[in-house]
PDB file of N, CA and C in Angstrom:
ATOM      1  N   PHE A   1     106.625  92.510  72.338  1.00  0.00           N
ATOM      2  CA  PHE A   1     105.580  92.603  73.350  1.00  0.00           C
ATOM      3  C   PHE A   1     104.336  93.285  72.789  1.00  0.00           C
ATOM      4  N   LYS A   2     104.513  94.350  71.981  1.00  0.00           N
ATOM      5  CA  LYS A   2     103.370  95.080  71.438  1.00  0.00           C
ATOM      6  C   LYS A   2     102.534  94.207  70.513  1.00  0.00           C
ATOM      7  N   VAL A   3     103.200  93.412  69.669  1.00  0.00           N
ATOM      8  CA  VAL A   3     102.465  92.542  68.744  1.00  0.00           C
ATOM      9  C   VAL A   3     101.668  91.509  69.526  1.00  0.00           C
ATOM     10  N   TYR A   4     102.281  90.907  70.527  1.00  0.00           N
ATOM     11  CA  TYR A   4     101.605  89.908  71.347  1.00  0.00           C
ATOM     12  C   TYR A   4     100.415  90.527  72.077  1.00  0.00           C
ATOM     13  N   TYR A   5     100.611  91.706  72.635  1.00  0.00           N
ATOM     14  CA  TYR A   5      99.549  92.411  73.350  1.00  0.00           C
ATOM     15  C   TYR A   5      98.392  92.738  72.409  1.00  0.00           C
ATOM     16  N   CYS A   6      98.692  93.229  71.203  1.00  0.00           N
ATOM     17  CA  CYS A   6      97.647  93.546  70.223  1.00  0.00           C
ATOM     18  C   CYS A   6      96.899  92.297  69.794  1.00  0.00           C
ATOM     19  N   THR A   7      97.605  91.190  69.665  1.00  0.00           N
ATOM     20  CA  THR A   7      96.965  89.926  69.289  1.00  0.00           C
ATOM     21  C   THR A   7      95.995  89.479  70.375  1.00  0.00           C
ATOM     22  N   ILE A   8      96.392  89.595  71.618  1.00  0.00           N
ATOM     23  CA  ILE A   8      95.512  89.216  72.730  1.00  0.00           C
ATOM     24  C   ILE A   8      94.276  90.111  72.760  1.00  0.00           C
ATOM     25  N   ILE A   9      94.467  91.411  72.595  1.00  0.00           N
ATOM     26  CA  ILE A   9      93.337  92.343  72.583  1.00  0.00           C
ATOM     27  C   ILE A   9      92.391  92.005  71.437  1.00  0.00           C
ATOM     28  N   LYS A  10      92.942  91.693  70.273  1.00  0.00           N
ATOM     29  CA  LYS A  10      92.118  91.346  69.109  1.00  0.00           C
ATOM     30  C   LYS A  10      91.316  90.079  69.383  1.00  0.00           C
ATOM     31  N   GLU A  11      91.943  89.061  69.986  1.00  0.00           N
ATOM     32  CA  GLU A  11      91.242  87.819  70.303  1.00  0.00           C
ATOM     33  C   GLU A  11      90.135  88.047  71.328  1.00  0.00           C
ATOM     34  N   ILE A  12      90.392  88.876  72.313  1.00  0.00           N
ATOM     35  CA  ILE A  12      89.362  89.189  73.312  1.00  0.00           C
ATOM     36  C   ILE A  12      88.195  89.904  72.653  1.00  0.00           C
ATOM     37  N   PHE A  13      88.493  90.838  71.756  1.00  0.00           N
ATOM     38  CA  PHE A  13      87.444  91.566  71.052  1.00  0.00           C
ATOM     39  C   PHE A  13      86.600  90.618  70.201  1.00  0.00           C
ATOM     40  N   ILE A  14      87.244  89.694  69.500  1.00  0.00           N
ATOM     41  CA  ILE A  14      86.517  88.727  68.668  1.00  0.00           C
ATOM     42  C   ILE A  14      85.653  87.830  69.543  1.00  0.00           C
ATOM     43  N   MET A  15      86.195  87.370  70.670  1.00  0.00           N
ATOM     44  CA  MET A  15      85.421  86.509  71.565  1.00  0.00           C
ATOM     45  C   MET A  15      84.231  87.255  72.152  1.00  0.00           C
ATOM     46  N   ALA A  16      84.405  88.520  72.471  1.00  0.00           N
ATOM     47  CA  ALA A  16      83.322  89.305  73.062  1.00  0.00           C
ATOM     48  C   ALA A  16      82.221  89.577  72.050  1.00  0.00           C
ATOM     49  N   ASN A  17      82.575  89.727  70.791  1.00  0.00           N
ATOM     50  CA  ASN A  17      81.581  90.019  69.758  1.00  0.00           C
ATOM     51  C   ASN A  17      81.065  88.771  69.064  1.00  0.00           C
ATOM     52  N   ASN A  18      81.504  87.620  69.488  1.00  0.00           N
ATOM     53  CA  ASN A  18      81.072  86.372  68.880  1.00  0.00           C
ATOM     54  C   ASN A  18      79.823  85.875  69.594  1.00  0.00           C
ATOM     55  N   GLU A  19      78.738  86.608  69.438  1.00  0.00           N
ATOM     56  CA  GLU A  19      77.495  86.249  70.108  1.00  0.00           C
ATOM     57  C   GLU A  19      76.850  85.061  69.407  1.00  0.00           C
ATOM     58  N   LYS A  20      76.256  84.206  70.185  1.00  0.00           N
ATOM     59  CA  LYS A  20      75.581  83.046  69.623  1.00  0.00           C
ATOM     60  C   LYS A  20      74.228  83.467  69.070  1.00  0.00           C
ATOM     61  N   VAL A  21      73.801  82.780  68.035  1.00  0.00           N
ATOM     62  CA  VAL A  21      72.535  83.089  67.376  1.00  0.00           C
ATOM     63  C   VAL A  21      71.483  82.098  67.852  1.00  0.00           C
ATOM     64  N   TYR A  22      70.329  82.614  68.240  1.00  0.00           N
ATOM     65  CA  TYR A  22      69.226  81.768  68.705  1.00  0.00           C
ATOM     66  C   TYR A  22      68.597  81.065  67.509  1.00  0.00           C
ATOM     67  N   THR A  23      68.449  79.748  67.581  1.00  0.00           N
ATOM     68  CA  THR A  23      67.878  78.970  66.483  1.00  0.00           C
ATOM     69  C   THR A  23      66.601  78.247  66.886  1.00  0.00           C
ATOM     70  N   GLY A  24      66.130  78.455  68.078  1.00  0.00           N
ATOM     71  CA  GLY A  24      64.953  77.752  68.573  1.00  0.00           C
ATOM     72  C   GLY A  24      63.658  78.450  68.218  1.00  0.00           C
ATOM     73  N   PRO A  25      62.546  77.921  68.716  1.00  0.00           N
ATOM     74  CA  PRO A  25      61.230  78.506  68.427  1.00  0.00           C
ATOM     75  C   PRO A  25      60.971  79.768  69.247  1.00  0.00           C
ATOM     76  N   TYR A  26      59.984  80.508  68.810  1.00  0.00           N
ATOM     77  CA  TYR A  26      59.583  81.750  69.478  1.00  0.00           C
ATOM     78  C   TYR A  26      58.157  81.618  69.987  1.00  0.00           C
ATOM     79  N   LYS A  27      57.803  82.471  70.933  1.00  0.00           N
ATOM     80  CA  LYS A  27      56.432  82.535  71.428  1.00  0.00           C
ATOM     81  C   LYS A  27      55.940  83.967  71.307  1.00  0.00           C
ATOM     82  N   VAL A  28      54.622  84.114  71.140  1.00  0.00           N
ATOM     83  CA  VAL A  28      53.991  85.430  71.065  1.00  0.00           C
ATOM     84  C   VAL A  28      53.258  85.651  72.374  1.00  0.00           C
ATOM     85  N   VAL A  29      53.522  86.801  72.997  1.00  0.00           N
ATOM     86  CA  VAL A  29      53.011  87.086  74.331  1.00  0.00           C
ATOM     87  C   VAL A  29      52.287  88.420  74.325  1.00  0.00           C
ATOM     88  N   LYS A  30      51.162  88.468  75.023  1.00  0.00           N
ATOM     89  CA  LYS A  30      50.447  89.726  75.235  1.00  0.00           C
ATOM     90  C   LYS A  30      50.861  90.260  76.597  1.00  0.00           C
ATOM     91  N   LEU A  31      51.438  91.470  76.613  1.00  0.00           N
ATOM     92  CA  LEU A  31      51.877  92.107  77.855  1.00  0.00           C
ATOM     93  C   LEU A  31      50.888  93.187  78.248  1.00  0.00           C
ATOM     94  N   TYR A  32      50.372  93.087  79.445  1.00  0.00           N
ATOM     95  CA  TYR A  32      49.482  94.121  79.953  1.00  0.00           C
ATOM     96  C   TYR A  32      50.341  95.222  80.563  1.00  0.00           C
ATOM     97  N   ARG A  33      50.113  96.453  80.156  1.00  0.00           N
ATOM     98  CA  ARG A  33      51.006  97.565  80.481  1.00  0.00           C
ATOM     99  C   ARG A  33      51.050  97.910  81.968  1.00  0.00           C
ATOM    100  N   VAL A  34      49.929  97.902  82.644  1.00  0.00           N
ATOM    101  CA  VAL A  34      49.899  98.318  84.049  1.00  0.00           C
ATOM    102  C   VAL A  34      50.475  97.227  84.955  1.00  0.00           C
ATOM    103  N   SER A  35      49.986  96.020  84.816  1.00  0.00           N
ATOM    104  CA  SER A  35      50.413  94.942  85.708  1.00  0.00           C
ATOM    105  C   SER A  35      51.638  94.194  85.193  1.00  0.00           C
ATOM    106  N   MET A  36      52.006  94.378  83.916  1.00  0.00           N
ATOM    107  CA  MET A  36      53.087  93.645  83.251  1.00  0.00           C
ATOM    108  C   MET A  36      52.841  92.134  83.258  1.00  0.00           C
ATOM    109  N   ARG A  37      51.577  91.752  83.394  1.00  0.00           N
ATOM    110  CA  ARG A  37      51.204  90.338  83.330  1.00  0.00           C
ATOM    111  C   ARG A  37      51.389  89.855  81.905  1.00  0.00           C
ATOM    112  N   ARG A  38      51.822  88.616  81.748  1.00  0.00           N
ATOM    113  CA  ARG A  38      52.045  88.034  80.427  1.00  0.00           C
ATOM    114  C   ARG A  38      51.011  86.962  80.146  1.00  0.00           C
ATOM    115  N   GLU A  39      50.504  86.974  78.940  1.00  0.00           N
ATOM    116  CA  GLU A  39      49.571  85.946  78.491  1.00  0.00           C
ATOM    117  C   GLU A  39      50.120  85.378  77.188  1.00  0.00           C
ATOM    118  N   VAL A  40      50.486  84.091  77.182  1.00  0.00           N
ATOM    119  CA  VAL A  40      51.062  83.469  75.993  1.00  0.00           C
ATOM    120  C   VAL A  40      49.941  83.190  74.999  1.00  0.00           C
ATOM    121  N   LEU A  41      50.089  83.735  73.786  1.00  0.00           N
ATOM    122  CA  LEU A  41      49.082  83.550  72.746  1.00  0.00           C
ATOM    123  C   LEU A  41      49.432  82.396  71.813  1.00  0.00           C
ATOM    124  N   TYR A  42      50.702  82.299  71.412  1.00  0.00           N
ATOM    125  CA  TYR A  42      51.165  81.248  70.499  1.00  0.00           C
ATOM    126  C   TYR A  42      52.533  80.764  70.942  1.00  0.00           C
ATOM    127  N   ARG A  43      52.808  79.489  70.656  1.00  0.00           N
ATOM    128  CA  ARG A  43      54.117  78.891  70.946  1.00  0.00           C
ATOM    129  C   ARG A  43      54.634  78.179  69.704  1.00  0.00           C
ATOM    130  N   ASN A  44      55.919  77.839  69.728  1.00  0.00           N
ATOM    131  CA  ASN A  44      56.571  77.039  68.683  1.00  0.00           C
ATOM    132  C   ASN A  44      56.460  77.657  67.297  1.00  0.00           C
ATOM    133  N   LEU A  45      56.732  78.944  67.190  1.00  0.00           N
ATOM    134  CA  LEU A  45      56.695  79.635  65.906  1.00  0.00           C
ATOM    135  C   LEU A  45      58.110  79.959  65.447  1.00  0.00           C
ATOM    136  N   THR A  46      58.282  80.053  64.129  1.00  0.00           N
ATOM    137  CA  THR A  46      59.543  80.573  63.615  1.00  0.00           C
ATOM    138  C   THR A  46      59.559  82.076  63.843  1.00  0.00           C
ATOM    139  N   LYS A  47      60.699  82.686  63.651  1.00  0.00           N
ATOM    140  CA  LYS A  47      60.802  84.128  63.880  1.00  0.00           C
ATOM    141  C   LYS A  47      59.900  84.888  62.911  1.00  0.00           C
ATOM    142  N   GLU A  48      59.847  84.458  61.657  1.00  0.00           N
ATOM    143  CA  GLU A  48      59.020  85.131  60.659  1.00  0.00           C
ATOM    144  C   GLU A  48      57.534  85.001  60.985  1.00  0.00           C
ATOM    145  N   GLU A  49      57.108  83.808  61.401  1.00  0.00           N
ATOM    146  CA  GLU A  49      55.710  83.608  61.786  1.00  0.00           C
ATOM    147  C   GLU A  49      55.351  84.476  62.989  1.00  0.00           C
ATOM    148  N   ALA A  50      56.238  84.526  63.963  1.00  0.00           N
ATOM    149  CA  ALA A  50      55.986  85.332  65.165  1.00  0.00           C
ATOM    150  C   ALA A  50      55.881  86.810  64.811  1.00  0.00           C
ATOM    151  N   MET A  51      56.726  87.289  63.907  1.00  0.00           N
ATOM    152  CA  MET A  51      56.666  88.692  63.492  1.00  0.00           C
ATOM    153  C   MET A  51      55.343  88.998  62.795  1.00  0.00           C
ATOM    154  N   ARG A  52      54.876  88.069  61.953  1.00  0.00           N
ATOM    155  CA  ARG A  52      53.593  88.276  61.267  1.00  0.00           C
ATOM    156  C   ARG A  52      52.438  88.336  62.257  1.00  0.00           C
ATOM    157  N   VAL A  53      52.446  87.452  63.247  1.00  0.00           N
ATOM    158  CA  VAL A  53      51.379  87.436  64.252  1.00  0.00           C
ATOM    159  C   VAL A  53      51.381  88.738  65.043  1.00  0.00           C
ATOM    160  N   VAL A  54      52.551  89.201  65.449  1.00  0.00           N
ATOM    161  CA  VAL A  54      52.653  90.441  66.228  1.00  0.00           C
ATOM    162  C   VAL A  54      52.134  91.625  65.422  1.00  0.00           C
ATOM    163  N   ASN A  55      52.439  91.665  64.144  1.00  0.00           N
ATOM    164  CA  ASN A  55      52.000  92.789  63.308  1.00  0.00           C
ATOM    165  C   ASN A  55      50.489  92.820  63.102  1.00  0.00           C
ATOM    166  N   ARG A  56      49.816  91.700  63.310  1.00  0.00           N
ATOM    167  CA  ARG A  56      48.352  91.670  63.180  1.00  0.00           C
ATOM    168  C   ARG A  56      47.649  92.285  64.378  1.00  0.00           C
ATOM    169  N   TYR A  57      48.341  92.382  65.508  1.00  0.00           N
ATOM    170  CA  TYR A  57      47.747  92.935  66.728  1.00  0.00           C
ATOM    171  C   TYR A  57      48.144  94.397  66.877  1.00  0.00           C
ATOM    172  N   PRO A  58      47.183  95.304  66.880  1.00  0.00           N
ATOM    173  CA  PRO A  58      47.540  96.712  67.116  1.00  0.00           C
ATOM    174  C   PRO A  58      47.814  96.947  68.603  1.00  0.00           C
ATOM    175  N   ASP A  59      48.730  97.864  68.887  1.00  0.00           N
ATOM    176  CA  ASP A  59      48.987  98.234  70.281  1.00  0.00           C
ATOM    177  C   ASP A  59      47.791  98.999  70.829  1.00  0.00           C
ATOM    178  N   SER A  60      47.529  98.806  72.091  1.00  0.00           N
ATOM    179  CA  SER A  60      46.461  99.563  72.739  1.00  0.00           C
ATOM    180  C   SER A  60      47.035 100.231  73.986  1.00  0.00           C
ATOM    181  N   SER A  61      46.225 101.022  74.641  1.00  0.00           N
ATOM    182  CA  SER A  61      46.695 101.687  75.855  1.00  0.00           C
ATOM    183  C   SER A  61      46.793 100.711  77.026  1.00  0.00           C
ATOM    184  N   ARG A  62      46.155  99.555  76.902  1.00  0.00           N
ATOM    185  CA  ARG A  62      46.173  98.572  77.991  1.00  0.00           C
ATOM    186  C   ARG A  62      47.188  97.452  77.801  1.00  0.00           C
ATOM    187  N   SER A  63      47.487  97.113  76.546  1.00  0.00           N
ATOM    188  CA  SER A  63      48.371  95.969  76.314  1.00  0.00           C
ATOM    189  C   SER A  63      49.141  96.129  75.012  1.00  0.00           C
ATOM    190  N   MET A  64      50.150  95.271  74.860  1.00  0.00           N
ATOM    191  CA  MET A  64      50.892  95.192  73.610  1.00  0.00           C
ATOM    192  C   MET A  64      51.262  93.734  73.387  1.00  0.00           C
ATOM    193  N   VAL A  65      51.439  93.362  72.131  1.00  0.00           N
ATOM    194  CA  VAL A  65      51.779  91.989  71.775  1.00  0.00           C
ATOM    195  C   VAL A  65      53.210  91.983  71.257  1.00  0.00           C
ATOM    196  N   VAL A  66      54.025  91.093  71.814  1.00  0.00           N
ATOM    197  CA  VAL A  66      55.436  90.992  71.442  1.00  0.00           C
ATOM    198  C   VAL A  66      55.795  89.525  71.239  1.00  0.00           C
ATOM    199  N   PHE A  67      56.927  89.281  70.569  1.00  0.00           N
ATOM    200  CA  PHE A  67      57.422  87.911  70.494  1.00  0.00           C
ATOM    201  C   PHE A  67      58.766  87.842  71.193  1.00  0.00           C
ATOM    202  N   MET A  68      59.070  86.658  71.718  1.00  0.00           N
ATOM    203  CA  MET A  68      60.323  86.461  72.445  1.00  0.00           C
ATOM    204  C   MET A  68      60.784  85.025  72.278  1.00  0.00           C
ATOM    205  N   LYS A  69      62.016  84.789  72.657  1.00  0.00           N
ATOM    206  CA  LYS A  69      62.575  83.446  72.593  1.00  0.00           C
ATOM    207  C   LYS A  69      61.796  82.540  73.528  1.00  0.00           C
ATOM    208  N   GLN A  70      61.511  81.343  73.043  1.00  0.00           N
ATOM    209  CA  GLN A  70      60.736  80.422  73.865  1.00  0.00           C
ATOM    210  C   GLN A  70      61.614  79.721  74.901  1.00  0.00           C
ATOM    211  N   TYR A  71      62.866  79.472  74.558  1.00  0.00           N
ATOM    212  CA  TYR A  71      63.763  78.753  75.462  1.00  0.00           C
ATOM    213  C   TYR A  71      65.060  79.531  75.635  1.00  0.00           C
ATOM    214  N   SER A  72      65.768  79.244  76.719  1.00  0.00           N
ATOM    215  CA  SER A  72      67.053  79.904  76.951  1.00  0.00           C
ATOM    216  C   SER A  72      68.203  78.910  77.110  1.00  0.00           C
ATOM    217  N   ALA A  73      67.961  77.623  76.888  1.00  0.00           N
ATOM    218  CA  ALA A  73      69.008  76.614  77.035  1.00  0.00           C
ATOM    219  C   ALA A  73      70.070  76.773  75.945  1.00  0.00           C
ATOM    220  N   ASP A  74      71.288  76.384  76.267  1.00  0.00           N
ATOM    221  CA  ASP A  74      72.409  76.532  75.335  1.00  0.00           C
ATOM    222  C   ASP A  74      72.217  75.760  74.038  1.00  0.00           C
ATOM    223  N   LYS A  75      71.455  74.671  74.059  1.00  0.00           N
ATOM    224  CA  LYS A  75      71.307  73.876  72.843  1.00  0.00           C
ATOM    225  C   LYS A  75      70.521  74.612  71.757  1.00  0.00           C
ATOM    226  N   TYR A  76      69.848  75.708  72.089  1.00  0.00           N
ATOM    227  CA  TYR A  76      69.108  76.486  71.103  1.00  0.00           C
ATOM    228  C   TYR A  76      69.924  77.641  70.538  1.00  0.00           C
ATOM    229  N   PHE A  77      71.199  77.745  70.924  1.00  0.00           N
ATOM    230  CA  PHE A  77      72.082  78.797  70.427  1.00  0.00           C
ATOM    231  C   PHE A  77      73.228  78.164  69.659  1.00  0.00           C
ATOM    232  N   LYS A  78      73.578  78.781  68.528  1.00  0.00           N
ATOM    233  CA  LYS A  78      74.703  78.277  67.720  1.00  0.00           C
ATOM    234  C   LYS A  78      75.687  79.381  67.494  1.00  0.00           C
TER     235      LYS A  78
END
């Protein structure tokens, strides 16, 4: 019983930590701090391109520029 129980716990742990990896495009968004309004600056970027674009924009007291996943459909996760 103990071996079977440990095997089940191990499988549950593996399934819980088996997160899917996002493979789709990213978008760069300007977030206004007070209103939390979003303004999309760029779309259809790779993760590296999005990171470079974000690093070019300095944070200010009014807004910040971030990148996020462009889509949330299952076909963009592997």
